[in-house]
């Protein structure tokens, strides 16, 4: 699990990386031995750790990791301005088709880790468990839960909701799995009044300083300044805490896979890098960063 100091160090690396990406946004690489990775803010913490560690594996390869959201990574793969799209959700058929149209290559998918999408609450909040049914009434448009005493009499006060921006794969995943569909099978949208933030860490930070706060983010962003709630599918059932085994098995109600995508079969430096990510060395970093390795 990351410490605030480590995250601060990584933030500096991410800022530097962002500047480099801005100057190398053309479809053609400008740096020999550069691998460009872009997309999910959930994965940026892990992608940066991989990039740093890989410099010790191959000093001739520089991995340029950048965030911006899964949607940003998908768009970059579609316009041939990244080698890897980092994604916290599956690519959609129409997105894959656009990559094929532009590049002439089929999208290749790599599952690189698992994640339990945690529901975070302020530590002053004594409530320890919540159900997917209740989360739907809290987050979805038309839901009827707006205050904490509607969940439990042990805590009162208005809920203050923090989520991700709409180009985030985490936003899409949470909306699809929590908000659900209407009676006519249309995707329900989020309710109004949710503070939509650019990064996973921002969600956790805002929950930490807001007594009535509630937010969702990857379990790798847990700090000692927030609590996460056990989650059950239905009210009254035992809640399950985010964790490795329940994420892999799918027992945790909001577990998901994390992906890397490329246009076409990777070769050369890119192939070697992806093979390293899937190796025990790369998967050890997955665990160190608070996510769930494949085995």
Protein backbone atom coordinates (compact mmCIF):
# COMPACT_ATOMS: atom_id res chain seq x y z
CA UNK A 1 0.00 0.00 0.00
CA UNK A 2 1.28 3.44 -0.84
CA UNK A 3 2.23 5.94 1.81
CA UNK A 4 1.41 9.67 1.33
CA UNK A 5 5.16 10.29 0.87
CA UNK A 6 5.44 7.67 -1.86
CA UNK A 7 2.40 9.07 -3.58
CA UNK A 8 3.90 12.55 -3.40
CA UNK A 9 7.06 11.26 -5.05
CA UNK A 10 5.03 9.49 -7.70
CA UNK A 11 2.94 12.63 -8.29
CA UNK A 12 6.12 14.48 -9.22
CA UNK A 13 6.96 11.69 -11.65
CA UNK A 14 3.47 11.87 -13.13
CA UNK A 15 3.68 15.65 -13.61
CA UNK A 16 7.02 15.24 -15.36
CA UNK A 17 5.56 12.48 -17.50
CA UNK A 18 2.59 14.66 -18.44
CA UNK A 19 4.89 17.40 -19.72
CA UNK A 20 6.79 14.85 -21.81
CA UNK A 21 3.60 13.45 -23.29
CA UNK A 22 2.35 16.93 -24.21
CA UNK A 23 5.50 17.47 -26.27
CA UNK A 24 5.24 14.06 -27.95
CA UNK A 25 1.57 13.88 -28.91
CA UNK A 26 2.21 13.11 -32.60
CA UNK A 27 1.42 9.60 -33.86
CA UNK A 28 5.12 9.01 -34.65
CA UNK A 29 7.51 8.43 -31.74
CA UNK A 30 10.06 11.15 -31.17
CA UNK A 31 12.21 9.29 -28.64
CA UNK A 32 14.06 6.08 -29.46
CA UNK A 33 13.14 3.34 -27.01
CA UNK A 34 10.00 5.11 -25.78
CA UNK A 35 6.80 3.26 -24.91
CA UNK A 36 3.77 5.49 -24.49
CA UNK A 37 1.04 4.39 -22.03
CA UNK A 38 -2.06 6.51 -21.47
CA UNK A 39 -5.49 6.24 -19.89
CA UNK A 40 -7.06 5.19 -16.61
CA UNK A 41 -6.43 7.36 -13.55
CA UNK A 42 -7.12 4.28 -11.43
CA UNK A 43 -4.14 2.65 -13.11
CA UNK A 44 -1.78 5.66 -13.20
CA UNK A 45 -0.38 4.84 -9.77
CA UNK A 46 0.39 1.29 -10.93
CA UNK A 47 1.49 2.31 -14.44
CA UNK A 48 3.98 4.79 -12.99
CA UNK A 49 5.37 2.15 -10.62
CA UNK A 50 5.79 -0.26 -13.54
CA UNK A 51 7.51 2.46 -15.59
CA UNK A 52 9.96 3.27 -12.80
CA UNK A 53 10.80 -0.37 -12.12
CA UNK A 54 11.26 -1.23 -15.78
CA UNK A 55 14.08 1.30 -16.12
CA UNK A 56 16.13 -1.11 -13.99
CA UNK A 57 15.18 -4.00 -16.28
CA UNK A 58 16.00 -2.26 -19.58
CA UNK A 59 17.82 1.08 -19.33
CA UNK A 60 17.36 1.62 -23.06
CA UNK A 61 13.55 1.78 -22.77
CA UNK A 62 11.66 4.72 -21.32
CA UNK A 63 8.00 4.10 -20.45
CA UNK A 64 6.05 7.34 -20.61
CA UNK A 65 2.98 6.80 -18.37
CA UNK A 66 0.14 9.31 -18.32
CA UNK A 67 -3.42 9.42 -16.97
CA UNK A 68 -6.46 11.38 -18.06
CA UNK A 69 -9.08 8.64 -17.77
CA UNK A 70 -9.87 5.45 -19.67
CA UNK A 71 -11.74 7.42 -22.33
CA UNK A 72 -8.63 9.50 -22.96
CA UNK A 73 -6.54 6.36 -23.38
CA UNK A 74 -9.06 4.84 -25.78
CA UNK A 75 -9.06 8.03 -27.88
CA UNK A 76 -5.25 8.01 -27.93
CA UNK A 77 -5.20 4.41 -29.17
CA UNK A 78 -7.76 5.33 -31.80
CA UNK A 79 -5.66 8.23 -33.12
CA UNK A 80 -2.40 6.26 -32.87
CA UNK A 81 -0.83 8.57 -30.26
CA UNK A 82 -0.21 5.89 -27.63
CA UNK A 83 1.22 2.38 -27.64
CA UNK A 84 -0.79 1.20 -24.62
CA UNK A 85 -4.26 2.17 -23.46
CA UNK A 86 -4.60 1.67 -19.70
CA UNK A 87 -8.25 0.88 -18.92
CA UNK A 88 -10.30 0.21 -15.81
CA UNK A 89 -13.14 -1.20 -17.92
CA UNK A 90 -13.48 -3.31 -21.05
CA UNK A 91 -13.21 -1.53 -24.37
CA UNK A 92 -16.55 -1.32 -26.16
CA UNK A 93 -17.14 -2.93 -29.59
CA UNK A 94 -17.50 0.47 -31.27
CA UNK A 95 -14.22 1.63 -29.69
CA UNK A 96 -12.42 -1.44 -30.99
CA UNK A 97 -13.89 -0.87 -34.44
CA UNK A 98 -12.57 2.70 -34.48
CA UNK A 99 -9.04 1.51 -33.65
CA UNK A 100 -9.24 -1.01 -36.51
CA UNK A 101 -10.51 1.69 -38.88
CA UNK A 102 -7.66 4.09 -38.08
CA UNK A 103 -4.74 1.71 -37.59
CA UNK A 104 -5.80 -1.29 -39.66
CA UNK A 105 -5.08 -3.51 -36.64
CA UNK A 106 -7.29 -5.47 -34.27
CA UNK A 107 -7.26 -4.47 -30.62
CA UNK A 108 -5.36 -6.85 -28.33
CA UNK A 109 -6.52 -7.12 -24.72
CA UNK A 110 -4.37 -7.94 -21.70
CA UNK A 111 -5.86 -8.47 -18.24
CA UNK A 112 -3.12 -7.29 -15.89
CA UNK A 113 -4.72 -7.11 -12.44
CA UNK A 114 -7.93 -7.23 -10.44
CA UNK A 115 -9.42 -4.45 -8.35
CA UNK A 116 -12.14 -4.21 -5.75
CA UNK A 117 -13.89 -0.91 -6.29
CA UNK A 118 -14.19 0.33 -2.71
CA UNK A 119 -16.89 2.53 -1.19
CA UNK A 120 -15.19 5.07 1.06
CA UNK A 121 -16.67 6.93 4.04
CA UNK A 122 -15.34 9.48 6.50
CA UNK A 123 -13.84 7.90 9.67
CA UNK A 124 -16.30 9.86 11.85
CA UNK A 125 -19.08 7.81 10.29
CA UNK A 126 -19.91 4.76 12.47
CA UNK A 127 -21.67 2.90 9.64
CA UNK A 128 -19.56 -0.06 8.52
CA UNK A 129 -21.70 -1.78 5.90
CA UNK A 130 -23.92 -0.92 2.94
CA UNK A 131 -25.74 -2.88 0.23
CA UNK A 132 -25.77 -2.51 -3.55
CA UNK A 133 -29.53 -1.88 -3.23
CA UNK A 134 -28.84 1.09 -0.95
CA UNK A 135 -25.98 2.35 -3.11
CA UNK A 136 -28.35 2.38 -6.08
CA UNK A 137 -30.83 4.54 -4.16
CA UNK A 138 -27.98 6.87 -3.16
CA UNK A 139 -26.22 7.29 -6.52
CA UNK A 140 -28.78 6.71 -9.26
CA UNK A 141 -31.05 9.34 -10.74
CA UNK A 142 -34.41 9.13 -8.98
CA UNK A 143 -32.94 7.42 -5.89
CA UNK A 144 -34.58 8.18 -2.55
CA UNK A 145 -31.65 8.01 -0.10
CA UNK A 146 -30.05 11.39 0.57
CA UNK A 147 -29.17 11.27 4.29
CA UNK A 148 -27.25 8.80 6.43
CA UNK A 149 -30.11 8.08 8.86
CA UNK A 150 -31.95 6.42 5.95
CA UNK A 151 -29.21 3.77 6.02
CA UNK A 152 -28.77 3.51 9.79
CA UNK A 153 -30.09 5.36 12.84
CA UNK A 154 -26.52 5.42 14.21
CA UNK A 155 -25.56 8.41 12.04
CA UNK A 156 -27.35 11.53 10.86
CA UNK A 157 -26.59 14.17 8.30
CA UNK A 158 -26.81 14.79 4.58
CA UNK A 159 -24.71 12.61 2.29
CA UNK A 160 -22.07 14.42 0.25
CA UNK A 161 -21.17 12.38 -2.82
CA UNK A 162 -17.80 12.29 -4.60
CA UNK A 163 -17.21 10.41 -7.85
CA UNK A 164 -15.15 10.42 -11.02
CA UNK A 165 -15.49 12.47 -14.19
CA UNK A 166 -17.42 11.00 -17.12
CA UNK A 167 -14.38 10.01 -19.21
CA UNK A 168 -13.28 7.65 -16.42
CA UNK A 169 -13.62 3.89 -16.72
CA UNK A 170 -14.31 3.81 -12.99
CA UNK A 171 -17.26 6.20 -13.58
CA UNK A 172 -18.63 3.90 -16.29
CA UNK A 173 -18.14 0.73 -14.26
CA UNK A 174 -19.76 2.11 -11.11
CA UNK A 175 -22.66 3.59 -13.07
CA UNK A 176 -23.35 0.32 -14.89
CA UNK A 177 -23.01 -1.96 -11.85
CA UNK A 178 -24.57 0.26 -9.20
CA UNK A 179 -27.06 2.53 -10.98
CA UNK A 180 -28.32 -0.37 -13.10
CA UNK A 181 -31.00 -0.16 -15.76
CA UNK A 182 -34.54 1.19 -15.93
CA UNK A 183 -37.61 -1.01 -16.47
CA UNK A 184 -37.22 -0.53 -20.24
CA UNK A 185 -33.56 -1.65 -20.01
CA UNK A 186 -31.98 1.78 -20.47
CA UNK A 187 -28.87 2.63 -18.46
CA UNK A 188 -29.74 4.72 -15.42
CA UNK A 189 -27.64 7.84 -14.99
CA UNK A 190 -26.09 9.28 -11.84
CA UNK A 191 -28.21 11.69 -9.83
CA UNK A 192 -27.39 15.39 -9.88
CA UNK A 193 -25.25 17.08 -7.24
CA UNK A 194 -22.33 14.61 -7.28
CA UNK A 195 -18.89 16.23 -7.20
CA UNK A 196 -17.10 14.67 -10.20
CA UNK A 197 -13.32 14.67 -9.69
CA UNK A 198 -10.41 14.06 -12.05
CA UNK A 199 -8.53 11.43 -10.06
CA UNK A 200 -9.10 8.46 -7.76
CA UNK A 201 -6.91 9.95 -5.04
CA UNK A 202 -8.96 13.17 -5.13
CA UNK A 203 -12.12 11.22 -4.35
CA UNK A 204 -10.53 9.66 -1.26
CA UNK A 205 -9.02 12.97 -0.13
CA UNK A 206 -12.39 14.76 -0.34
CA UNK A 207 -14.17 11.99 1.58
CA UNK A 208 -11.46 12.23 4.26
CA UNK A 209 -12.20 15.90 4.93
CA UNK A 210 -16.00 15.73 4.63
CA UNK A 211 -17.87 14.24 7.64
CA UNK A 212 -20.87 13.19 5.54
CA UNK A 213 -18.75 12.18 2.57
CA UNK A 214 -19.20 9.05 0.49
CA UNK A 215 -17.18 8.12 -2.60
CA UNK A 216 -16.01 5.27 -4.80
CA UNK A 217 -12.46 4.49 -5.93
CA UNK A 218 -10.07 1.58 -6.38
CA UNK A 219 -9.05 -0.25 -3.23
CA UNK A 220 -5.41 0.68 -3.90
CA UNK A 221 -6.20 4.26 -2.87
CA UNK A 222 -7.09 3.39 0.73
CA UNK A 223 -5.44 5.60 3.36
CA UNK A 224 -5.67 5.76 7.14
CA UNK A 225 -7.80 8.91 6.76
CA UNK A 226 -10.84 7.08 5.39
CA UNK A 227 -12.84 3.93 6.09
CA UNK A 228 -14.18 1.61 3.44
CA UNK A 229 -17.58 0.00 3.86
CA UNK A 230 -18.31 -3.69 3.61
CA UNK A 231 -20.66 -4.26 0.67
CA UNK A 232 -23.46 -6.81 0.28
CA UNK A 233 -25.72 -7.38 -2.70
CA UNK A 234 -28.89 -6.99 -0.65
CA UNK A 235 -29.72 -5.19 2.57
CA UNK A 236 -29.54 -7.59 5.52
CA UNK A 237 -26.97 -9.90 3.91
CA UNK A 238 -23.43 -10.08 5.34
CA UNK A 239 -21.18 -7.42 3.86
CA UNK A 240 -17.87 -8.28 2.21
CA UNK A 241 -14.73 -6.21 2.68
CA UNK A 242 -12.58 -5.40 -0.39
CA UNK A 243 -9.67 -7.81 -0.69
CA UNK A 244 -7.55 -9.93 -3.01
CA UNK A 245 -9.33 -13.30 -2.92
CA UNK A 246 -12.84 -11.86 -3.11
CA UNK A 247 -11.79 -9.64 -6.02
CA UNK A 248 -10.34 -12.58 -7.99
CA UNK A 249 -13.32 -14.83 -7.27
CA UNK A 250 -15.90 -12.12 -7.97
CA UNK A 251 -17.46 -12.65 -4.54
CA UNK A 252 -17.02 -8.98 -3.72
CA UNK A 253 -20.00 -7.25 -5.40
CA UNK A 254 -17.98 -4.50 -7.11
CA UNK A 255 -14.89 -6.41 -8.26
CA UNK A 256 -13.42 -5.78 -11.71
CA UNK A 257 -10.54 -6.56 -14.03
CA UNK A 258 -7.95 -3.99 -15.07
CA UNK A 259 -6.74 -3.97 -18.66
CA UNK A 260 -4.00 -2.88 -21.04
CA UNK A 261 -4.89 -2.59 -24.75
CA UNK A 262 -2.69 -2.35 -27.83
CA UNK A 263 -3.42 -1.89 -31.54
CA UNK A 264 -2.26 -5.15 -33.05
CA UNK A 265 -0.05 -7.86 -31.60
CA UNK A 266 2.79 -6.18 -29.66
CA UNK A 267 6.32 -6.74 -30.90
CA UNK A 268 9.85 -5.79 -29.89
CA UNK A 269 10.21 -3.48 -26.88
CA UNK A 270 6.46 -3.31 -26.35
CA UNK A 271 6.08 -7.09 -26.30
CA UNK A 272 8.96 -7.44 -23.84
CA UNK A 273 7.44 -4.82 -21.55
CA UNK A 274 4.00 -6.44 -21.52
CA UNK A 275 5.52 -9.86 -20.86
CA UNK A 276 7.40 -8.36 -17.90
CA UNK A 277 4.18 -6.83 -16.52
CA UNK A 278 2.56 -10.28 -16.60
CA UNK A 279 5.62 -11.94 -15.06
CA UNK A 280 6.07 -12.50 -11.30
CA UNK A 281 8.20 -9.32 -11.13
CA UNK A 282 5.52 -7.13 -12.69
CA UNK A 283 2.74 -8.78 -10.69
CA UNK A 284 4.64 -8.20 -7.46
CA UNK A 285 4.35 -4.47 -8.16
CA UNK A 286 0.59 -4.91 -8.64
CA UNK A 287 0.38 -6.22 -5.07
CA UNK A 288 2.73 -3.53 -3.71
CA UNK A 289 0.49 -0.83 -5.16
CA UNK A 290 -2.61 -2.16 -3.40
CA UNK A 291 -4.21 -3.97 -6.33
CA UNK A 292 -4.77 -7.71 -6.82
CA UNK A 293 -2.26 -9.75 -8.88
CA UNK A 294 -3.49 -12.36 -11.35
CA UNK A 295 -2.33 -15.28 -9.15
